[in-house]
Amino acid sequence: MDIVAMVPTYVECRILRRVNRFVVEVEAGGEQVLAHNTNTGRLLDVLVPGRLGLCRPLEKPGKTRYRLFAVEYAGGFAVIDTRLQEEAFARAVELGLIPWLGVAGLPAGGSGLALRCSASCWTVGMEGYTLRLRALC
């Protein structure tokens, strides 16, 4: 199995509560701290109080000290960090691990990722946090 993303430094935490769309209160290292959440989805069955989480220490902590990137779920961990998901997806495409997906090209300026599925009539365009799926036929 190929590694498409790696988190070299992380701390275990316990989910306490979701403060708002971007902040989760966790217990890490014996203290209650705030962690940044990049996933604005509801995550009602994932961000459950008491559940084990994994956090990355932030390089420049402010209101939040960590970024929550994974939460214990269904016998494993669900990666909820949208930035990490994007990095892993781009790396998987780069390594050719998604063979049915053909790279259509990068947008001007080299930011984002534009992909085309050559096996069907669908195209996927991804730039930053926006994911678009549209039919071509």
N, C-alpha and C. Protein backbone atom coordinates (compact mmCIF):
# COMPACT_ATOMS: atom_id res chain seq x y z
N MET A 1 0.84 -1.17 0.00
CA MET A 1 0.00 0.00 0.00
C MET A 1 0.89 1.24 0.00
N ASP A 2 0.56 2.21 -0.82
CA ASP A 2 1.33 3.45 -0.93
C ASP A 2 0.87 4.47 0.10
N ILE A 3 1.83 5.21 0.64
CA ILE A 3 1.52 6.29 1.57
C ILE A 3 1.25 7.54 0.76
N VAL A 4 0.07 8.11 0.94
CA VAL A 4 -0.28 9.32 0.19
C VAL A 4 -0.29 10.56 1.08
N ALA A 5 -0.28 10.39 2.39
CA ALA A 5 -0.21 11.52 3.33
C ALA A 5 0.39 11.02 4.63
N MET A 6 1.12 11.91 5.28
CA MET A 6 1.76 11.52 6.52
C MET A 6 1.66 12.67 7.51
N VAL A 7 1.35 12.35 8.75
CA VAL A 7 1.30 13.33 9.83
C VAL A 7 2.38 12.91 10.82
N PRO A 8 3.57 13.52 10.74
CA PRO A 8 4.68 13.06 11.56
C PRO A 8 4.52 13.33 13.06
N THR A 9 3.85 14.41 13.42
CA THR A 9 3.69 14.76 14.82
C THR A 9 2.22 14.96 15.13
N TYR A 10 1.72 14.23 16.11
CA TYR A 10 0.33 14.38 16.51
C TYR A 10 0.18 14.02 17.98
N VAL A 11 -0.94 14.45 18.55
CA VAL A 11 -1.27 14.10 19.93
C VAL A 11 -2.66 13.50 19.96
N GLU A 12 -2.86 12.56 20.87
CA GLU A 12 -4.19 11.99 21.06
C GLU A 12 -4.99 12.96 21.92
N CYS A 13 -6.28 13.00 21.67
CA CYS A 13 -7.17 13.86 22.45
C CYS A 13 -8.52 13.18 22.60
N ARG A 14 -9.36 13.73 23.45
CA ARG A 14 -10.74 13.28 23.60
C ARG A 14 -11.65 14.42 23.20
N ILE A 15 -12.63 14.11 22.38
CA ILE A 15 -13.59 15.13 21.95
C ILE A 15 -14.46 15.49 23.15
N LEU A 16 -14.60 16.78 23.43
CA LEU A 16 -15.47 17.24 24.50
C LEU A 16 -16.77 17.82 23.92
N ARG A 17 -16.63 18.78 22.99
CA ARG A 17 -17.80 19.36 22.35
C ARG A 17 -17.38 20.18 21.14
N ARG A 18 -18.32 20.37 20.24
CA ARG A 18 -18.09 21.23 19.09
C ARG A 18 -18.55 22.63 19.48
N VAL A 19 -17.65 23.58 19.44
CA VAL A 19 -17.94 24.95 19.83
C VAL A 19 -18.69 25.68 18.71
N ASN A 20 -18.17 25.55 17.49
CA ASN A 20 -18.80 26.11 16.30
C ASN A 20 -18.31 25.34 15.08
N ARG A 21 -18.58 25.84 13.88
CA ARG A 21 -18.19 25.10 12.67
C ARG A 21 -16.68 24.83 12.59
N PHE A 22 -15.89 25.73 13.14
CA PHE A 22 -14.44 25.64 12.97
C PHE A 22 -13.66 25.27 14.23
N VAL A 23 -14.33 25.14 15.34
CA VAL A 23 -13.62 24.91 16.61
C VAL A 23 -14.27 23.76 17.38
N VAL A 24 -13.39 22.87 17.88
CA VAL A 24 -13.81 21.75 18.71
C VAL A 24 -13.02 21.82 20.01
N GLU A 25 -13.72 21.67 21.13
CA GLU A 25 -13.04 21.62 22.42
C GLU A 25 -12.63 20.18 22.67
N VAL A 26 -11.35 19.98 23.00
CA VAL A 26 -10.81 18.64 23.23
C VAL A 26 -10.02 18.63 24.53
N GLU A 27 -9.78 17.43 25.04
CA GLU A 27 -8.88 17.27 26.17
C GLU A 27 -7.62 16.62 25.64
N ALA A 28 -6.51 17.32 25.78
CA ALA A 28 -5.22 16.82 25.30
C ALA A 28 -4.16 17.11 26.36
N GLY A 29 -3.39 16.10 26.70
CA GLY A 29 -2.34 16.28 27.68
C GLY A 29 -2.86 16.69 29.04
N GLY A 30 -4.07 16.24 29.38
CA GLY A 30 -4.64 16.54 30.69
C GLY A 30 -5.28 17.90 30.82
N GLU A 31 -5.37 18.67 29.73
CA GLU A 31 -6.02 19.98 29.81
C GLU A 31 -7.03 20.17 28.68
N GLN A 32 -8.00 21.02 28.92
CA GLN A 32 -9.01 21.33 27.92
C GLN A 32 -8.48 22.45 27.03
N VAL A 33 -8.45 22.17 25.71
CA VAL A 33 -7.93 23.14 24.75
C VAL A 33 -8.86 23.18 23.54
N LEU A 34 -8.66 24.19 22.70
CA LEU A 34 -9.45 24.32 21.49
C LEU A 34 -8.63 23.83 20.29
N ALA A 35 -9.31 23.12 19.39
CA ALA A 35 -8.68 22.60 18.18
C ALA A 35 -9.43 23.13 16.96
N HIS A 36 -8.69 23.51 15.93
CA HIS A 36 -9.28 23.97 14.68
C HIS A 36 -9.84 22.78 13.91
N ASN A 37 -11.03 22.95 13.35
CA ASN A 37 -11.68 21.92 12.55
C ASN A 37 -11.87 22.49 11.15
N THR A 38 -11.22 21.92 10.14
CA THR A 38 -11.35 22.42 8.77
C THR A 38 -12.61 21.92 8.09
N ASN A 39 -13.28 20.93 8.67
CA ASN A 39 -14.46 20.34 8.06
C ASN A 39 -15.72 20.99 8.63
N THR A 40 -16.42 21.75 7.80
CA THR A 40 -17.61 22.46 8.27
C THR A 40 -18.88 21.62 8.16
N GLY A 41 -18.75 20.36 7.75
CA GLY A 41 -19.91 19.47 7.69
C GLY A 41 -20.47 19.22 9.08
N ARG A 42 -21.67 18.67 9.13
CA ARG A 42 -22.33 18.46 10.43
C ARG A 42 -21.59 17.47 11.31
N LEU A 43 -21.14 16.35 10.78
CA LEU A 43 -20.34 15.35 11.50
C LEU A 43 -20.97 14.91 12.82
N LEU A 44 -22.30 14.85 12.86
CA LEU A 44 -23.01 14.50 14.09
C LEU A 44 -22.64 13.13 14.63
N ASP A 45 -22.37 12.18 13.74
CA ASP A 45 -22.03 10.83 14.19
C ASP A 45 -20.52 10.62 14.33
N VAL A 46 -19.74 11.68 14.10
CA VAL A 46 -18.28 11.58 14.19
C VAL A 46 -17.76 12.35 15.40
N LEU A 47 -18.15 13.62 15.52
CA LEU A 47 -17.68 14.45 16.63
C LEU A 47 -18.55 14.21 17.88
N VAL A 48 -18.39 13.04 18.42
CA VAL A 48 -19.18 12.59 19.58
C VAL A 48 -18.34 12.78 20.85
N PRO A 49 -18.89 13.44 21.87
CA PRO A 49 -18.14 13.62 23.12
C PRO A 49 -17.61 12.28 23.67
N GLY A 50 -16.34 12.30 24.09
CA GLY A 50 -15.70 11.11 24.64
C GLY A 50 -14.92 10.31 23.62
N ARG A 51 -15.15 10.56 22.35
CA ARG A 51 -14.47 9.80 21.31
C ARG A 51 -13.01 10.24 21.17
N LEU A 52 -12.14 9.29 20.87
CA LEU A 52 -10.72 9.56 20.68
C LEU A 52 -10.50 10.33 19.38
N GLY A 53 -9.65 11.35 19.44
CA GLY A 53 -9.30 12.13 18.26
C GLY A 53 -7.79 12.24 18.13
N LEU A 54 -7.35 12.68 16.97
CA LEU A 54 -5.93 12.91 16.71
C LEU A 54 -5.76 14.35 16.23
N CYS A 55 -4.83 15.08 16.85
CA CYS A 55 -4.61 16.49 16.55
C CYS A 55 -3.17 16.76 16.15
N ARG A 56 -3.00 17.70 15.23
CA ARG A 56 -1.67 18.19 14.86
C ARG A 56 -1.41 19.49 15.61
N PRO A 57 -0.27 19.62 16.25
CA PRO A 57 0.06 20.91 16.87
C PRO A 57 0.21 21.98 15.78
N LEU A 58 -0.33 23.16 16.01
CA LEU A 58 -0.21 24.25 15.04
C LEU A 58 1.14 24.93 15.18
N GLU A 59 1.72 25.35 14.05
CA GLU A 59 3.00 26.05 14.08
C GLU A 59 2.88 27.39 14.78
N LYS A 60 1.76 28.07 14.54
CA LYS A 60 1.52 29.38 15.16
C LYS A 60 0.18 29.33 15.89
N PRO A 61 0.17 28.77 17.11
CA PRO A 61 -1.09 28.68 17.83
C PRO A 61 -1.64 30.06 18.18
N GLY A 62 -2.95 30.17 18.11
CA GLY A 62 -3.64 31.39 18.50
C GLY A 62 -4.77 31.00 19.41
N LYS A 63 -6.00 31.26 18.96
CA LYS A 63 -7.18 30.84 19.72
C LYS A 63 -7.20 29.31 19.86
N THR A 64 -6.73 28.63 18.81
CA THR A 64 -6.65 27.17 18.83
C THR A 64 -5.19 26.75 18.87
N ARG A 65 -4.93 25.66 19.57
CA ARG A 65 -3.56 25.15 19.71
C ARG A 65 -3.25 24.01 18.74
N TYR A 66 -4.33 23.33 18.29
CA TYR A 66 -4.17 22.16 17.44
C TYR A 66 -5.12 22.23 16.24
N ARG A 67 -4.88 21.35 15.29
CA ARG A 67 -5.85 21.10 14.21
C ARG A 67 -6.29 19.65 14.34
N LEU A 68 -7.58 19.44 14.55
CA LEU A 68 -8.14 18.09 14.64
C LEU A 68 -8.16 17.49 13.24
N PHE A 69 -7.48 16.34 13.06
CA PHE A 69 -7.43 15.78 11.71
C PHE A 69 -8.10 14.41 11.57
N ALA A 70 -8.33 13.71 12.67
CA ALA A 70 -8.97 12.40 12.58
C ALA A 70 -9.71 12.10 13.88
N VAL A 71 -10.77 11.31 13.75
CA VAL A 71 -11.58 10.93 14.90
C VAL A 71 -11.89 9.44 14.79
N GLU A 72 -11.82 8.76 15.94
CA GLU A 72 -12.15 7.34 16.01
C GLU A 72 -13.55 7.11 15.45
N TYR A 73 -13.66 6.13 14.54
CA TYR A 73 -14.95 5.90 13.88
C TYR A 73 -14.97 4.52 13.24
N ALA A 74 -16.01 3.76 13.52
CA ALA A 74 -16.25 2.45 12.88
C ALA A 74 -15.03 1.53 12.92
N GLY A 75 -14.39 1.44 14.06
CA GLY A 75 -13.26 0.53 14.22
C GLY A 75 -11.94 1.05 13.70
N GLY A 76 -11.90 2.28 13.25
CA GLY A 76 -10.67 2.89 12.75
C GLY A 76 -10.71 4.38 13.04
N PHE A 77 -10.16 5.16 12.13
CA PHE A 77 -10.19 6.61 12.26
C PHE A 77 -10.72 7.22 10.97
N ALA A 78 -11.60 8.20 11.11
CA ALA A 78 -12.10 8.96 9.97
C ALA A 78 -11.27 10.23 9.87
N VAL A 79 -10.65 10.44 8.71
CA VAL A 79 -9.90 11.68 8.48
C VAL A 79 -10.90 12.76 8.16
N ILE A 80 -11.00 13.76 9.04
CA ILE A 80 -11.97 14.83 8.83
C ILE A 80 -11.33 16.13 8.36
N ASP A 81 -10.01 16.20 8.36
CA ASP A 81 -9.29 17.40 7.95
C ASP A 81 -9.34 17.52 6.42
N THR A 82 -10.07 18.51 5.92
CA THR A 82 -10.25 18.64 4.47
C THR A 82 -8.94 18.97 3.77
N ARG A 83 -8.03 19.64 4.43
CA ARG A 83 -6.72 19.93 3.83
C ARG A 83 -5.92 18.65 3.65
N LEU A 84 -5.93 17.80 4.67
CA LEU A 84 -5.22 16.52 4.59
C LEU A 84 -5.87 15.62 3.53
N GLN A 85 -7.20 15.63 3.45
CA GLN A 85 -7.89 14.86 2.42
C GLN A 85 -7.47 15.31 1.02
N GLU A 86 -7.40 16.62 0.82
CA GLU A 86 -7.00 17.17 -0.48
C GLU A 86 -5.57 16.80 -0.83
N GLU A 87 -4.66 16.90 0.14
CA GLU A 87 -3.26 16.53 -0.09
C GLU A 87 -3.15 15.05 -0.46
N ALA A 88 -3.87 14.19 0.27
CA ALA A 88 -3.83 12.75 0.01
C ALA A 88 -4.40 12.41 -1.36
N PHE A 89 -5.50 13.07 -1.72
CA PHE A 89 -6.12 12.82 -3.02
C PHE A 89 -5.19 13.24 -4.15
N ALA A 90 -4.61 14.42 -4.04
CA ALA A 90 -3.69 14.91 -5.07
C ALA A 90 -2.48 13.98 -5.21
N ARG A 91 -1.96 13.51 -4.09
CA ARG A 91 -0.80 12.60 -4.11
C ARG A 91 -1.18 11.26 -4.73
N ALA A 92 -2.39 10.75 -4.42
CA ALA A 92 -2.86 9.49 -5.00
C ALA A 92 -2.97 9.61 -6.52
N VAL A 93 -3.46 10.74 -6.99
CA VAL A 93 -3.56 10.96 -8.44
C VAL A 93 -2.17 11.04 -9.05
N GLU A 94 -1.27 11.76 -8.39
CA GLU A 94 0.11 11.91 -8.86
C GLU A 94 0.81 10.56 -8.99
N LEU A 95 0.54 9.66 -8.04
CA LEU A 95 1.16 8.33 -8.04
C LEU A 95 0.44 7.33 -8.95
N GLY A 96 -0.66 7.76 -9.56
CA GLY A 96 -1.41 6.87 -10.45
C GLY A 96 -2.20 5.81 -9.71
N LEU A 97 -2.58 6.09 -8.46
CA LEU A 97 -3.29 5.11 -7.65
C LEU A 97 -4.79 5.08 -7.92
N ILE A 98 -5.26 6.02 -8.72
CA ILE A 98 -6.67 6.04 -9.12
C ILE A 98 -6.68 5.93 -10.64
N PRO A 99 -6.49 4.71 -11.17
CA PRO A 99 -6.25 4.54 -12.60
C PRO A 99 -7.40 4.98 -13.51
N TRP A 100 -8.63 4.97 -13.01
CA TRP A 100 -9.75 5.36 -13.86
C TRP A 100 -9.89 6.86 -13.97
N LEU A 101 -9.05 7.60 -13.25
CA LEU A 101 -9.11 9.05 -13.27
C LEU A 101 -7.97 9.59 -14.10
N GLY A 102 -8.26 10.36 -15.14
CA GLY A 102 -7.23 10.94 -15.98
C GLY A 102 -7.05 12.41 -15.64
N VAL A 103 -5.82 12.87 -15.55
CA VAL A 103 -5.56 14.27 -15.23
C VAL A 103 -5.81 15.11 -16.47
N ALA A 104 -6.70 16.10 -16.33
CA ALA A 104 -7.06 16.97 -17.45
C ALA A 104 -6.13 18.16 -17.55
N GLY A 105 -5.51 18.55 -16.47
CA GLY A 105 -4.61 19.70 -16.48
C GLY A 105 -4.86 20.61 -15.30
N LEU A 106 -3.89 21.45 -15.01
CA LEU A 106 -4.01 22.38 -13.90
C LEU A 106 -4.50 23.73 -14.40
N PRO A 107 -5.29 24.43 -13.60
CA PRO A 107 -5.75 25.75 -13.98
C PRO A 107 -4.57 26.72 -14.11
N ALA A 108 -4.79 27.85 -14.78
CA ALA A 108 -3.74 28.86 -14.93
C ALA A 108 -3.24 29.28 -13.56
N GLY A 109 -1.94 29.46 -13.45
CA GLY A 109 -1.36 29.85 -12.17
C GLY A 109 -0.92 28.67 -11.33
N GLY A 110 -1.30 27.45 -11.73
CA GLY A 110 -0.85 26.26 -11.04
C GLY A 110 -1.55 25.96 -9.73
N SER A 111 -2.63 26.69 -9.41
CA SER A 111 -3.33 26.39 -8.16
C SER A 111 -4.50 25.48 -8.42
N GLY A 112 -4.81 24.65 -7.46
CA GLY A 112 -5.94 23.75 -7.60
C GLY A 112 -5.61 22.54 -8.44
N LEU A 113 -6.62 21.79 -8.74
CA LEU A 113 -6.45 20.54 -9.48
C LEU A 113 -7.69 20.31 -10.32
N ALA A 114 -7.50 20.06 -11.59
CA ALA A 114 -8.64 19.76 -12.46
C ALA A 114 -8.48 18.33 -12.94
N LEU A 115 -9.49 17.53 -12.76
CA LEU A 115 -9.42 16.12 -13.12
C LEU A 115 -10.57 15.75 -14.04
N ARG A 116 -10.34 14.78 -14.89
CA ARG A 116 -11.37 14.31 -15.80
C ARG A 116 -11.42 12.80 -15.72
N CYS A 117 -12.60 12.25 -15.59
CA CYS A 117 -12.77 10.81 -15.57
C CYS A 117 -12.91 10.34 -17.01
N SER A 118 -11.94 9.61 -17.50
CA SER A 118 -11.96 9.19 -18.90
C SER A 118 -12.89 8.01 -19.14
N ALA A 119 -13.33 7.34 -18.09
CA ALA A 119 -14.16 6.14 -18.25
C ALA A 119 -15.64 6.45 -18.33
N SER A 120 -16.05 7.69 -18.06
CA SER A 120 -17.47 8.03 -18.10
C SER A 120 -17.64 9.47 -18.56
N CYS A 121 -18.80 10.02 -18.32
CA CYS A 121 -19.10 11.38 -18.76
C CYS A 121 -19.05 12.39 -17.63
N TRP A 122 -18.22 12.17 -16.64
CA TRP A 122 -18.15 13.08 -15.51
C TRP A 122 -16.80 13.74 -15.43
N THR A 123 -16.79 14.96 -14.92
CA THR A 123 -15.54 15.67 -14.68
C THR A 123 -15.55 16.20 -13.26
N VAL A 124 -14.40 16.25 -12.66
CA VAL A 124 -14.26 16.76 -11.30
C VAL A 124 -13.29 17.93 -11.36
N GLY A 125 -13.69 19.05 -10.80
CA GLY A 125 -12.79 20.20 -10.71
C GLY A 125 -12.61 20.55 -9.26
N MET A 126 -11.38 20.72 -8.84
CA MET A 126 -11.12 20.98 -7.43
C MET A 126 -10.12 22.12 -7.32
N GLU A 127 -10.48 23.18 -6.64
CA GLU A 127 -9.58 24.28 -6.35
C GLU A 127 -9.78 24.67 -4.91
N GLY A 128 -8.75 24.63 -4.13
CA GLY A 128 -8.88 24.96 -2.71
C GLY A 128 -9.89 24.07 -2.04
N TYR A 129 -10.95 24.67 -1.49
CA TYR A 129 -11.95 23.91 -0.77
C TYR A 129 -13.17 23.61 -1.62
N THR A 130 -13.17 24.01 -2.89
CA THR A 130 -14.36 23.83 -3.73
C THR A 130 -14.23 22.57 -4.56
N LEU A 131 -15.25 21.76 -4.53
CA LEU A 131 -15.28 20.54 -5.33
C LEU A 131 -16.53 20.60 -6.20
N ARG A 132 -16.34 20.54 -7.51
CA ARG A 132 -17.45 20.60 -8.44
C ARG A 132 -17.51 19.29 -9.23
N LEU A 133 -18.69 18.76 -9.41
CA LEU A 133 -18.90 17.55 -10.20
C LEU A 133 -19.99 17.87 -11.20
N ARG A 134 -19.70 17.70 -12.49
CA ARG A 134 -20.71 18.00 -13.50
C ARG A 134 -20.66 16.97 -14.61
N ALA A 135 -21.80 16.75 -15.21
CA ALA A 135 -21.92 15.80 -16.31
C ALA A 135 -21.46 16.47 -17.59
N LEU A 136 -20.77 15.74 -18.43
CA LEU A 136 -20.32 16.25 -19.74
C LEU A 136 -21.24 15.80 -20.86
N CYS A 137 -22.06 14.79 -20.63
CA CYS A 137 -22.91 14.30 -21.70
C CYS A 137 -24.36 14.17 -21.24
